[in-house]
Protein backbone atom coordinates (compact mmCIF):
# COMPACT_ATOMS: atom_id res chain seq x y z
CA MET A 1 92.61 136.64 127.38
CA THR A 2 91.65 133.43 129.15
CA ILE A 3 92.27 130.08 127.48
CA ALA A 4 89.72 127.45 128.42
CA LEU A 5 90.83 123.90 129.07
CA ILE A 6 88.02 121.42 128.43
CA LEU A 7 88.04 117.67 128.96
CA ALA A 8 85.62 116.41 126.34
CA VAL A 9 84.27 113.26 124.77
CA MET A 10 82.82 113.87 121.35
CA ALA A 11 79.10 113.22 120.79
CA VAL A 12 79.18 111.13 117.61
CA PRO A 13 77.12 108.40 116.01
CA SER A 14 78.46 105.06 117.16
CA LEU A 15 77.86 101.36 117.20
CA GLY A 16 75.16 100.01 119.46
CA ASN A 17 77.13 100.47 122.68
CA THR A 18 79.95 102.83 123.63
CA LEU A 19 82.33 102.61 126.55
CA ASN A 20 84.52 105.66 127.12
CA MET A 21 87.76 104.16 128.31
CA PRO A 22 89.09 104.88 131.79
CA GLY A 23 92.62 106.20 131.71
CA GLY A 24 92.14 108.03 128.41
CA THR A 25 92.75 111.75 128.54
CA SER A 26 91.81 114.51 126.11
CA SER A 27 91.85 118.28 125.99
CA VAL A 28 90.64 121.07 123.77
CA THR A 29 92.00 124.60 124.09
CA GLY A 30 90.84 127.69 122.26
CA ILE A 31 87.16 126.92 121.64
CA SER A 32 85.34 129.96 120.24
CA ALA A 33 82.50 130.89 117.92
CA THR A 34 84.74 130.01 114.96
CA ALA A 35 86.94 127.21 116.34
CA THR A 36 85.84 123.87 117.80
CA GLY A 37 87.57 120.70 118.90
CA ASN A 38 86.43 117.18 119.74
CA THR A 39 88.04 113.99 120.98
CA VAL A 40 87.17 110.30 121.29
CA THR A 41 88.82 107.62 123.40
CA ALA A 42 86.24 104.86 123.23
CA PHE A 43 85.39 101.22 122.63
CA ASP A 44 82.20 100.49 120.63
CA PHE A 45 80.34 97.32 119.76
CA ASP A 46 77.09 95.86 118.54
CA ALA A 47 76.06 92.26 117.80
CA ASN A 48 78.53 91.85 114.91
CA ASN A 49 81.23 94.50 115.25
CA ILE A 50 83.69 95.91 117.76
CA GLN A 51 86.02 98.86 117.31
CA ALA A 52 88.47 101.00 119.26
CA ASP A 53 89.26 104.64 118.50
CA ILE A 54 91.55 107.38 119.68
CA LEU A 55 90.53 110.44 117.68
CA ALA A 56 91.19 114.19 117.74
CA ILE A 57 89.45 116.76 115.53
CA ALA A 58 90.05 120.52 115.28
CA THR A 59 87.97 122.80 113.04
CA THR A 60 87.88 126.52 112.36
CA THR A 61 85.55 128.57 110.21
CA GLY A 62 87.00 132.06 109.94
CA ILE A 63 89.65 133.61 112.16
CA GLY A 64 90.35 131.45 115.20
CA SER A 65 92.55 128.66 116.51
CA VAL A 66 92.10 125.42 118.42
CA THR A 67 94.40 122.68 119.74
CA THR A 68 93.09 119.18 120.44
CA ASN A 69 94.81 116.07 121.71
CA ALA A 70 93.88 112.66 123.10
CA HIS A 71 95.80 109.85 124.72
CA GLY A 72 94.56 106.39 125.56
CA ASN A 73 94.84 102.62 125.63
CA VAL A 74 91.59 101.20 124.26
CA GLY A 75 90.77 97.55 123.78
CA SER A 76 88.28 94.76 124.19
CA VAL A 77 90.70 92.74 126.31
CA ALA A 78 90.75 95.33 129.08
CA THR A 79 87.05 96.12 129.21
CA GLY A 80 85.73 93.00 130.93
CA SER A 81 81.96 92.51 130.92
CA PHE A 82 79.74 94.86 128.93
CA ALA A 83 76.41 93.59 130.26
CA THR A 84 75.81 96.96 131.91
CA LEU A 85 75.75 98.53 128.47
CA GLY A 86 72.74 96.47 127.42
CA ALA A 87 74.23 93.55 125.48
CA PRO A 88 77.29 91.30 125.51
CA ALA A 89 80.02 92.03 123.03
CA PRO A 90 80.30 89.52 120.17
CA GLN A 91 82.56 86.55 120.86
CA GLY A 92 85.76 85.82 118.96
CA LEU A 93 86.54 89.49 118.20
CA VAL A 94 89.40 91.48 119.78
CA VAL A 95 90.62 95.03 119.06
CA THR A 96 93.13 97.38 120.69
CA ALA A 97 94.26 100.94 120.04
CA LYS A 98 96.80 102.90 122.02
CA GLY A 99 98.83 106.06 121.55
CA ASN A 100 98.61 109.82 121.17
CA VAL A 101 96.83 112.05 118.65
CA ASP A 102 97.40 115.83 118.38
CA VAL A 103 95.88 118.37 115.98
CA ASN A 104 96.05 122.16 115.57
CA VAL A 105 94.31 124.62 113.28
CA LYS A 106 94.59 128.38 113.00
CA GLY A 107 92.38 130.31 110.60
CA THR A 108 93.97 133.64 109.67
CA ASN A 109 91.25 135.19 107.51
CA ALA A 110 87.45 135.18 107.39
CA ALA A 111 87.39 132.72 104.47
CA ALA A 112 89.22 129.98 106.37
CA LYS A 113 87.44 126.62 106.52
CA VAL A 114 89.80 123.89 107.69
CA THR A 115 89.68 120.69 109.74
CA SER A 116 92.66 118.77 111.06
CA VAL A 117 92.20 115.12 112.12
CA ALA A 118 94.39 112.48 113.75
CA GLN A 119 93.15 108.96 114.45
CA ILE A 120 94.27 105.54 115.70
CA HIS A 121 91.57 103.00 114.83
CA SER A 122 90.90 99.27 114.83
CA LYS A 123 87.81 97.21 114.06
CA ALA A 124 86.83 93.51 113.87
CA SER A 125 83.57 92.23 112.38
CA LEU A 126 81.45 89.14 111.82
CA LEU A 127 80.23 89.20 108.22
CA PRO A 128 76.48 88.93 107.51
CA ALA A 129 74.83 85.49 107.63
CA GLY A 130 77.89 83.89 109.20
CA ALA A 131 79.85 84.22 105.97
CA GLY A 132 83.15 85.01 107.68
CA VAL A 133 85.14 87.70 109.49
CA SER A 134 87.02 90.88 108.64
CA GLY A 135 89.32 93.37 110.33
CA GLU A 136 90.95 96.74 109.78
CA ALA A 137 93.33 99.10 111.55
CA TRP A 138 94.93 102.40 110.68
CA ILE A 139 96.93 105.37 111.89
CA TYR A 140 95.87 108.52 110.05
CA SER A 141 96.63 112.23 109.76
CA GLY A 142 94.53 114.44 107.49
CA ILE A 143 93.83 118.10 106.73
CA GLY A 144 90.63 118.88 104.84
CA LYS A 145 87.55 121.07 104.90
CA THR A 146 84.97 119.24 107.06
CA TRP A 147 84.58 116.15 109.26
CA ASP A 148 81.37 114.39 108.21
CA LEU A 149 79.83 112.20 110.88
CA GLY A 150 77.77 110.04 108.55
CA ALA A 151 74.48 108.25 109.27
CA PRO A 152 73.44 107.39 112.85
CA ASN A 153 74.73 104.09 114.21
CA THR A 154 77.35 103.88 111.50
CA ILE A 155 79.51 100.78 111.71
CA LEU A 156 82.30 102.48 109.81
CA GLN A 157 84.68 104.91 111.47
CA LYS A 158 83.57 107.84 113.63
CA GLY A 159 83.23 109.97 110.53
CA SER A 160 85.31 110.90 107.50
CA LEU A 161 87.33 113.89 106.34
CA SER A 162 86.17 115.49 103.10
CA GLY A 163 87.01 118.38 100.80
CA ALA A 164 90.06 120.56 100.41
CA PRO A 165 90.48 123.30 103.06
CA GLU A 166 89.75 126.90 102.09
CA GLY A 167 91.11 130.35 102.93
CA GLU A 168 94.27 131.24 104.83
CA PHE A 169 95.35 128.97 107.65
CA GLU A 170 97.97 126.94 109.43
CA ALA A 171 97.24 123.34 110.43
CA ASP A 172 99.01 120.21 111.56
CA SER A 173 98.18 116.65 112.62
CA THR A 174 100.14 113.90 114.38
CA ALA A 175 99.07 110.36 115.27
CA GLU A 176 101.52 107.98 116.93
CA GLY A 177 100.77 104.59 118.41
CA ALA A 178 99.60 101.09 117.56
CA ALA A 179 96.39 99.21 116.81
CA THR A 180 95.55 95.51 116.47
CA TYR A 181 92.57 93.37 115.52
CA SER A 182 91.66 89.70 115.40
CA ALA A 183 88.47 87.80 114.65
CA GLU A 184 87.60 84.11 114.57
CA LEU A 185 84.52 82.18 113.46
CA LYS A 186 84.36 78.43 114.14
CA THR A 187 82.07 75.80 112.72
CA SER A 188 82.63 72.51 114.56
CA LEU A 189 81.14 69.07 115.28
CA GLN A 190 81.14 68.48 119.01
CA PRO A 191 83.74 65.77 119.72
CA VAL A 192 82.60 62.56 121.41
CA PRO A 193 84.65 59.46 122.36
CA ASN A 194 86.05 57.60 119.37
CA VAL A 195 84.51 60.10 116.91
CA PRO A 196 86.75 62.39 114.86
CA ASP A 197 86.92 66.01 115.98
CA THR A 198 86.13 68.25 113.02
CA THR A 199 86.52 72.04 113.03
CA GLN A 200 86.44 74.70 110.30
CA THR A 201 87.82 78.10 111.37
CA LEU A 202 87.78 81.40 109.48
CA SER A 203 90.12 83.95 111.07
CA VAL A 204 91.79 87.31 110.52
CA SER A 205 94.43 89.28 112.40
CA GLY A 206 96.47 92.38 111.79
CA SER A 207 98.35 95.28 113.29
CA VAL A 208 99.70 98.76 112.59
CA ASP A 209 102.49 100.43 114.52
CA GLY A 210 103.96 103.81 113.70
CA LYS A 211 103.41 107.51 113.22
CA THR A 212 101.81 109.84 110.69
CA THR A 213 102.29 113.61 110.57
CA LEU A 214 100.95 116.33 108.31
CA ALA A 215 101.46 120.11 108.25
CA ALA A 216 100.06 122.72 105.87
CA GLU A 217 100.10 126.49 105.56
CA VAL A 218 98.33 128.83 103.16
CA ALA A 219 99.77 132.33 103.65
CA TYR A 220 97.65 134.25 101.12
CA ALA A 221 94.02 134.13 100.12
CA ASN A 222 94.54 132.53 96.72
CA GLY A 223 96.51 129.48 97.79
CA LYS A 224 95.05 126.01 98.32
CA ILE A 225 96.14 122.69 99.80
CA GLY A 226 94.57 119.32 98.97
CA GLY A 227 95.25 115.66 98.30
CA SER A 228 95.52 115.79 94.51
CA ILE A 229 95.22 118.14 91.52
CA VAL A 230 92.23 117.80 89.22
CA GLY A 231 92.33 120.19 86.30
CA LEU A 232 93.82 123.34 87.84
CA ASP A 233 92.46 122.82 91.35
CA ALA A 234 93.64 121.09 94.52
CA THR A 235 90.87 118.72 95.60
CA GLY A 236 90.12 116.42 98.52
CA PRO A 237 91.95 116.24 101.85
CA ALA A 238 95.71 115.99 102.17
CA TYR A 239 96.59 112.90 104.19
CA ALA A 240 99.15 110.38 105.43
CA GLU A 241 97.96 106.90 106.43
CA THR A 242 99.32 103.50 107.34
CA SER A 243 96.81 100.64 107.47
CA SER A 244 96.16 96.90 107.71
CA GLU A 245 93.10 95.11 106.36
CA SER A 246 92.16 91.43 106.07
CA ARG A 247 89.13 89.29 105.32
CA ALA A 248 88.21 85.59 105.50
CA GLU A 249 84.91 84.44 104.08
CA GLY A 250 83.42 81.33 102.60
CA THR A 251 80.74 78.67 102.52
CA VAL A 252 81.16 75.63 104.75
CA ASP A 253 79.54 72.29 103.90
CA ALA A 254 77.40 71.26 106.90
CA ALA A 255 78.16 67.55 106.56
CA THR A 256 81.93 67.62 105.99
CA GLN A 257 82.65 70.93 107.75
CA LYS A 258 85.01 71.76 104.88
CA LEU A 259 85.23 75.02 102.97
CA THR A 260 83.53 74.71 99.58
CA THR A 261 83.97 78.29 98.31
CA GLY A 262 85.77 81.25 99.79
CA THR A 263 88.35 84.03 99.62
CA MET A 264 91.05 84.92 102.13
CA SER A 265 92.71 88.30 101.60
CA ALA A 266 95.21 90.57 103.32
CA GLU A 267 96.81 93.92 102.57
CA ASN A 268 98.96 96.60 104.14
CA HIS A 269 99.01 100.14 102.81
CA ASN A 270 101.15 103.16 103.59
CA HIS A 271 100.45 106.21 101.46
CA ILE A 272 100.79 109.99 101.38
CA HIS A 273 98.91 112.35 99.06
CA ILE A 274 99.40 116.13 99.11
CA ALA A 275 98.93 118.91 96.55
CA SER A 276 99.20 122.70 96.40
CA THR A 277 97.88 125.33 93.99
CA ASN A 278 97.91 129.12 93.66
CA THR A 279 94.62 130.20 92.12
CA ARG A 280 94.99 133.96 91.99
CA ASP A 281 92.97 135.65 89.22
CA LEU A 282 95.68 136.61 86.75
CA CYS A 283 93.48 139.14 84.98
CA ALA A 284 92.44 141.03 88.10
CA GLU A 285 95.79 141.71 89.74
CA ASP A 286 99.52 141.96 89.21
CA PRO A 287 100.71 138.34 89.23
CA LEU A 288 104.14 139.37 90.50
CA GLY A 289 103.00 142.02 92.96
CA ALA A 290 102.65 139.78 96.00
CA MET A 291 103.89 136.28 96.61
CA ASP A 292 101.32 133.62 97.44
CA TRP A 293 103.06 131.09 99.65
CA VAL A 294 101.43 127.69 99.91
CA SER A 295 103.24 124.75 101.46
CA GLY A 296 102.42 121.23 102.58
CA THR A 297 104.53 118.53 104.22
CA ALA A 298 103.66 114.96 105.17
CA THR A 299 105.53 112.04 106.69
CA GLY A 300 104.50 108.47 107.41
CA THR A 301 106.59 106.06 109.45
CA ALA A 302 105.36 102.53 109.98
CA GLY A 303 106.74 99.71 112.07
CA LYS A 304 105.99 96.12 111.17
CA ASN A 305 102.46 96.25 109.85
CA LYS A 306 100.85 92.84 109.35
CA ALA A 307 97.64 91.34 107.98
CA GLU A 308 96.40 87.76 107.71
CA GLY A 309 93.23 86.13 106.41
CA LYS A 310 92.97 82.39 106.98
CA SER A 311 90.69 79.33 106.65
CA ARG A 312 91.67 76.17 108.54
CA TYR A 313 89.93 72.80 108.38
CA TYR A 314 90.95 70.31 111.09
CA LYS A 315 89.91 66.68 111.44
CA CYS A 316 91.64 64.32 113.83
CA ASP A 317 90.51 60.88 115.02
CA PRO A 318 91.56 60.38 118.68
CA SER A 319 91.19 56.60 118.46
CA THR A 320 93.51 56.15 115.48
CA GLY A 321 95.75 59.25 115.46
CA GLU A 322 94.88 59.95 111.83
CA CYS A 323 94.60 63.65 111.00
CA ASP A 324 93.71 65.85 108.03
CA ILE A 325 94.29 69.60 107.99
CA GLU A 326 93.65 72.04 105.13
CA THR A 327 94.47 75.75 105.17
CA PHE A 328 93.92 78.67 102.83
CA ALA A 329 96.01 81.65 103.95
CA ALA A 330 96.90 85.18 102.79
CA ASN A 331 99.60 87.16 104.60
CA THR A 332 101.22 90.57 104.11
CA GLU A 333 103.86 92.46 106.05
CA LYS A 334 105.73 95.74 105.54
CA ALA A 335 107.96 98.25 107.29
CA ASP A 336 108.86 101.64 105.85
CA SER A 337 109.31 105.37 106.27
CA MET A 338 108.21 107.92 103.69
CA SER A 339 107.70 111.67 103.24
CA ALA A 340 106.39 114.15 100.71
CA ASP A 341 106.63 117.94 100.30
CA VAL A 342 104.98 120.46 98.00
CA ARG A 343 105.38 124.23 97.71
CA THR A 344 103.96 126.91 95.41
CA PHE A 345 104.57 130.68 95.40
CA LEU A 346 103.25 132.55 92.38
CA ALA A 347 99.93 132.84 90.60
CA GLY A 348 99.34 129.77 88.46
CA ASP A 349 101.76 127.53 90.37
CA MET A 350 100.75 123.92 91.06
CA ALA A 351 102.55 121.00 92.69
CA SER A 352 101.74 117.53 94.00
CA ALA A 353 103.58 114.63 95.59
CA ASN A 354 102.68 111.14 96.68
CA ALA A 355 104.37 108.05 98.03
CA GLU A 356 102.91 104.56 98.30
CA LEU A 357 103.79 101.05 99.50
CA HIS A 358 101.05 98.43 99.08
CA PRO A 359 101.58 94.65 99.45
CA THR A 360 98.49 92.48 98.81
CA ALA A 361 97.65 88.76 98.90
CA SER A 362 94.57 86.61 98.28
CA VAL A 363 93.65 82.96 97.85
CA THR A 364 90.31 81.98 96.31
CA LYS A 365 88.50 78.63 96.19
CA LEU A 366 85.69 78.23 93.67
CA LEU A 367 82.99 75.56 93.84
CA ALA A 368 83.68 74.15 90.40
CA GLY A 369 87.06 75.69 89.73
CA ALA A 370 90.68 75.74 90.75
CA VAL A 371 92.22 77.34 93.81
CA THR A 372 93.99 80.57 92.81
CA SER A 373 96.70 82.22 94.93
CA THR A 374 97.82 85.76 94.10
CA ALA A 375 100.42 88.06 95.68
CA GLY A 376 101.62 91.51 94.66
CA ASN A 377 103.23 94.77 95.72
CA LEU A 378 103.49 98.37 94.51
CA VAL A 379 106.08 100.86 95.73
CA SER A 380 106.10 104.27 94.04
CA ASN A 381 107.04 107.96 94.32
CA THR A 382 105.77 110.86 92.21
CA GLY A 383 106.58 114.57 92.26
CA THR A 384 105.04 117.16 89.92
CA ALA A 385 105.31 120.92 89.42
CA LEU A 386 103.75 123.45 87.06
CA ARG A 387 104.41 127.20 86.61
CA THR A 388 102.35 129.34 84.26
CA LEU A 389 104.26 132.60 84.84
CA SER A 390 107.96 133.36 84.93
CA GLY A 391 109.46 134.32 88.29
CA ASP A 392 112.18 136.84 88.99
CA GLN A 393 114.71 136.06 86.28
CA ALA A 394 117.57 137.26 88.48
CA LYS A 395 117.05 134.59 91.13
CA MET A 396 119.16 131.67 90.00
CA ASP A 397 120.43 130.30 93.30
CA ALA A 398 119.40 126.90 94.61
CA GLY A 399 117.74 128.39 97.66
CA SER A 400 115.45 130.70 95.72
CA GLU A 401 112.08 130.82 97.45
CA GLU A 402 110.36 131.29 94.13
CA ARG A 403 110.85 127.68 93.09
CA VAL A 404 107.70 125.58 92.90
CA TYR A 405 108.30 121.93 93.70
CA GLY A 406 106.79 118.55 94.49
CA LYS A 407 108.95 115.77 95.93
CA ALA A 408 108.43 112.38 97.56
CA TYR A 409 110.89 110.19 99.45
CA PHE A 410 111.24 106.73 100.95
CA GLY A 411 113.84 106.53 103.67
CA THR A 412 113.47 102.77 104.15
CA GLY A 413 111.13 100.05 102.98
CA SER A 414 110.66 96.29 103.10
CA TRP A 415 107.69 94.11 102.21
CA LYS A 416 106.45 90.60 101.63
CA ALA A 417 103.17 89.00 100.65
CA ASP A 418 102.16 85.38 100.16
CA ALA A 419 99.01 83.40 99.45
CA SER A 420 98.85 79.64 99.82
CA HIS A 421 96.71 76.49 99.89
CA GLN A 422 98.08 73.60 101.92
CA THR A 423 96.86 70.12 102.90
CA TYR A 424 98.44 68.04 105.64
CA HIS A 425 97.89 64.35 106.37
CA ARG A 426 99.18 62.09 109.13
CA ASN A 427 98.73 58.33 108.81
CA SER A 428 96.90 56.30 111.41
CA ILE A 429 98.67 54.09 113.94
CA LEU A 430 96.52 51.27 112.50
CA ILE A 431 98.31 51.48 109.16
CA PRO A 432 101.05 48.81 109.28
CA VAL A 433 103.43 50.59 106.93
CA ASP A 434 104.90 53.94 107.95
CA PRO A 435 102.61 54.75 110.86
CA PHE A 436 102.42 58.49 111.65
CA LYS A 437 103.94 59.33 108.29
CA GLU A 438 103.23 63.00 107.58
CA THR A 439 102.71 64.53 104.13
CA THR A 440 101.99 68.07 102.95
CA THR A 441 100.95 69.44 99.58
CA THR A 442 101.09 73.16 98.76
CA SER A 443 100.33 75.69 96.09
CA LYS A 444 101.65 79.20 96.70
CA ALA A 445 102.36 82.66 95.27
CA SER A 446 104.69 85.11 97.00
CA VAL A 447 106.56 88.40 96.52
CA SER A 448 109.17 90.21 98.63
CA GLY A 449 111.74 92.98 98.46
CA ASN A 450 113.25 96.01 100.14
CA LEU A 451 114.76 99.44 99.59
CA ASP A 452 118.38 99.99 100.53
CA GLN A 453 119.47 103.36 101.90
CA VAL A 454 122.14 104.74 99.60
CA THR A 455 123.44 108.08 98.39
CA ILE A 456 123.33 108.01 94.59
CA ASN A 457 125.25 110.44 92.39
CA GLY A 458 125.91 112.98 95.13
CA GLY A 459 122.41 113.02 96.58
CA GLU A 460 121.72 115.12 99.65
CA GLN A 461 121.25 112.20 102.04
CA PRO A 462 120.83 108.43 102.00
CA ASN A 463 117.36 107.39 100.88
CA GLY A 464 115.72 104.31 99.49
CA MET A 465 113.77 106.07 96.73
CA ASN A 466 113.07 109.64 95.62
CA ALA A 467 111.22 111.53 92.89
CA ALA A 468 111.21 115.34 92.61
CA ALA A 469 110.28 118.16 90.23
CA TYR A 470 111.51 121.79 90.61
CA LEU A 471 110.67 124.88 88.56
CA LEU A 472 111.94 128.45 88.75
CA PHE A 473 110.90 129.38 85.21
CA LYS A 474 107.69 128.94 83.27
CA LYS A 475 106.54 125.45 82.25
CA THR A 476 102.80 125.24 81.62
CA ASP A 477 102.60 121.55 80.68
CA GLY A 478 104.11 120.44 83.96
CA ALA A 479 107.31 118.89 85.22
CA ILE A 480 106.93 115.27 86.31
CA ALA A 481 109.18 112.70 87.96
CA THR A 482 107.88 109.27 88.92
CA ILE A 483 109.46 105.93 89.76
CA SER A 484 107.84 102.63 90.72
CA ASN A 485 108.43 98.92 91.23
CA THR A 486 105.53 96.51 90.76
CA GLN A 487 105.60 92.77 91.49
CA SER A 488 103.04 90.05 90.92
CA ALA A 489 102.85 86.27 91.26
CA GLN A 490 99.96 83.88 90.71
CA ALA A 491 99.46 80.13 91.02
CA ILE A 492 96.35 78.44 89.60
CA GLU A 493 96.16 74.82 90.66
CA ALA A 494 96.36 72.54 87.61
CA GLY A 495 96.66 75.75 85.60
CA ALA A 496 99.07 78.56 84.83
CA LEU A 497 101.89 79.88 86.99
CA THR A 498 102.90 83.49 86.30
CA THR A 499 105.26 86.12 87.75
CA SER A 500 106.42 89.61 86.80
CA VAL A 501 108.67 92.40 88.08
CA SER A 502 108.19 95.84 86.52
CA ASN A 503 110.49 98.81 87.10
CA SER A 504 109.37 102.09 85.57
CA GLY A 505 110.69 105.65 85.66
CA HIS A 506 109.30 108.68 83.86
CA LEU A 507 110.72 112.19 83.47
CA GLN A 508 108.90 115.09 81.84
CA GLY A 509 111.44 117.85 82.18
CA PRO A 510 112.22 121.40 81.05
CA ARG A 511 113.24 122.22 77.51
CA ALA A 512 116.80 121.80 76.25
CA LYS A 513 119.42 124.58 76.21
CA SER A 514 119.17 124.80 72.43
CA LEU A 515 115.45 125.54 72.85
CA GLY A 516 115.95 128.21 75.50
CA GLY A 517 116.44 126.22 78.69
CA VAL A 518 118.79 128.21 80.94
CA SER A 519 118.51 127.04 84.53
CA SER A 520 119.94 124.08 86.41
CA TRP A 521 117.28 124.86 89.05
CA ASP A 522 114.57 123.80 86.61
CA GLY A 523 114.70 120.03 86.66
CA VAL A 524 113.18 116.65 87.41
CA GLY A 525 114.80 113.49 88.65
CA PHE A 526 114.50 110.22 90.54
CA TYR A 527 116.70 107.64 92.19
CA ALA A 528 116.15 104.30 93.94
CA SER A 529 117.92 101.23 95.27
CA PHE A 530 115.85 98.03 95.07
CA LYS A 531 117.32 94.97 96.80
CA ASN A 532 116.36 91.28 96.79
CA VAL A 533 113.18 91.68 94.77
CA ASN A 534 111.71 88.19 94.45
CA VAL A 535 108.58 86.58 92.97
CA ASN A 536 107.57 82.92 93.25
CA ALA A 537 104.72 80.63 92.20
CA ALA A 538 104.37 76.88 92.83
CA ASP A 539 101.80 74.08 92.40
CA GLU A 540 102.13 70.62 93.96
CA TYR A 541 98.49 69.64 93.25
CA VAL A 542 99.44 68.09 89.90
CA ALA A 543 101.01 64.80 88.91
CA ILE A 544 104.34 66.51 88.25
CA PRO A 545 104.82 69.41 90.71
CA LYS A 546 106.01 72.63 89.15
CA ALA A 547 107.47 75.92 90.40
CA ILE A 548 108.78 79.14 88.87
CA SER A 549 110.63 82.11 90.35
CA THR A 550 112.52 85.26 89.48
CA SER A 551 115.10 86.92 91.71
CA VAL A 552 116.39 90.45 91.06
CA PRO A 553 119.19 90.94 93.62
CA ASP A 554 120.11 94.57 92.93
CA THR A 555 118.60 97.36 90.84
CA GLN A 556 120.14 100.81 91.19
CA SER A 557 118.41 103.72 89.53
CA TYR A 558 119.03 107.39 88.93
CA MET A 559 118.09 109.76 86.13
CA TRP A 560 117.48 113.49 85.79
CA THR A 561 117.12 116.27 83.26
CA ASP A 562 117.41 120.05 83.57
CA GLY A 563 117.62 123.16 81.43
CA THR A 564 121.39 123.36 80.98
CA ASN A 565 122.05 120.83 78.23
CA ASP A 566 120.47 119.19 75.22
CA LEU A 567 120.26 115.65 76.59
CA MET A 568 116.94 113.87 76.91
CA TYR A 569 118.17 112.61 80.28
CA ASN A 570 121.27 112.17 82.44
CA GLY A 571 122.05 108.92 84.20
CA PRO A 572 121.59 105.26 83.34
CA GLY A 573 117.92 104.90 84.23
CA PHE A 574 118.24 101.43 85.77
CA ILE A 575 121.38 99.42 86.52
CA VAL A 576 120.34 95.78 86.92
CA ASN A 577 123.46 93.99 88.13
CA PRO A 578 123.62 91.04 88.34
CA TYR A 579 120.96 90.18 85.83
CA PRO A 580 117.77 88.58 87.18
CA THR A 581 117.85 84.84 87.92
CA ILE A 582 114.88 83.19 86.21
CA THR A 583 114.06 79.64 87.29
CA PRO A 584 113.68 77.25 85.49
CA ILE A 585 116.02 78.52 82.79
CA GLY A 586 114.03 79.50 79.73
CA SER A 587 110.73 79.89 81.60
CA GLY A 588 110.70 83.68 81.30
CA LEU A 589 112.42 86.77 79.98
CA PHE A 590 114.24 89.88 81.18
CA ASN A 591 113.44 92.63 78.69
CA GLY A 592 116.54 94.69 79.50
CA VAL A 593 116.65 98.42 80.18
CA LEU A 594 114.53 100.16 77.54
CA PHE A 595 114.19 103.91 76.85
CA THR A 596 111.30 105.58 75.05
CA TYR A 597 111.51 109.23 73.99
CA THR A 598 108.63 111.51 73.09
CA PRO A 599 109.80 114.21 70.64
CA SER A 600 108.86 117.78 71.64
CA LEU A 601 109.96 121.38 70.97
CA THR A 602 109.05 122.48 74.50
CA GLN A 603 110.32 119.77 76.86
CA ARG A 604 112.22 116.48 77.30
CA ASP A 605 110.03 113.42 77.91
CA THR A 606 111.67 110.06 78.65
CA LEU A 607 110.31 106.74 79.92
CA VAL A 608 112.65 103.98 81.08
CA THR A 609 111.64 100.41 82.00
CA ALA A 610 113.33 97.20 83.16
CA ASN A 611 110.89 94.30 83.34
CA THR A 612 110.80 90.53 83.78
CA HIS A 613 107.97 88.08 83.18
CA GLN A 614 107.19 84.37 83.36
CA PRO A 615 106.16 82.77 81.11
């Protein structure tokens, strides 16, 4: 058999102009009547948008296999003049994308319908009617059913992955590299001698740097992989993604050149979603006659991802040295590594797992209202498992391949987000008292924190956070383990300052020994190590400046339940030591570690929380 090697650039809807980048390489091997592959290494633009993409797609319908990869360094800085393409690229916008993307699919029965995608993408845009600028970048791995190209001349991505794959197959996706974006929109009065120079600038910038991988296998016709479970079905694509997004928009007064209304926002997002189900018809065949093996694995590793949305007003008089500057800024940053695994074996098995880290920030100026700065973050892991039929009762060892499980991990994680409004003034040299005296006034909201790698209670390896559910025996209402930390801070000028830190863990585990629970290999659990979790809010735009903050230096967490004892849970839930520092004293409350139990004759169900709030 001859394997064809094809260098290809995908024919896709694009922006107004496309430049296929020199130096980019791509290949597709194994094209057939059932298997196709496409690649993109290109820079696109129209009057208001530019974007860079390195993209690989592999699809099979029926029995067949295809391998696709692309490598490139794409960016508006390196492309020079685009006049030969019919129009100049918009000014003030810059994007880059570089790295490698590799995908493989192999359909092993006639019912296979699967698409594997890997993409490194960045985009910068001018918003309609000169309202502002926006930017986005991501590194993405996904396995789904089809790649939908969308409408012609789309200004979104090169398409989108949809649906859960079908049939029997093997597939994987890897994207590794970096992408950046920046955009700037200036409104300025042309400076002349002895006349103040006035400029209003809306700008965004951001970057992603890291790697996403995804692998899935359905070994029998009744298995299914997807992104989540709805009802009894795996739906949507499975995916791992790390992204940056920011936006700066507003209305500028023509006379003063100052921002009158507007919103600056920024966010980073790293998330994994995978699910697995075995949908064999229990009435039509022996549920224990043949094992249906369905497995999915995803990892996402991100370097320092950043996002910023900013408005800056600048006025400086060259004849006097007097200056006024005002900024509205939202910034986020994160670094982390995460993974998730699911596996099902028997008819009626289901499992899902997801991991997420998501810092956000925004500052809003209203025409007749106060400036509001908001910052927040969510970090969470969830693992679930469900088994509707009992497996081989003799298999009690930890390595039994009949266990259905969903588990999600963070190896490392750190994050911060802040939103602020600041004015700066420098006195004129003509002012006799304190010439060149500088003053600043600020309102701000911020959050930060990190995960510390530790081994808790004899865990397998050091990790920052973990949630997992395992089942060997029947449990039709599901086994669930989830843990999360949520932070928020908000400052409303001449209004309220608020902060909160919320730790939450939930276990829905197998029944107690007194109710028939017999296996230590049926169980759910979580652990985590949160370090230096901080929230702050401040307002200096009032007669008496005010500020509040809460610092939670160390929160250790572990808890589990299994089928070998009658306890609702094992472990302390959360160990908050030392207690949170709330400033000023008396401005807020730590609620302590609280447990809530849901009585049941079929399972143990426990929720534990440890929260702070101001006021």
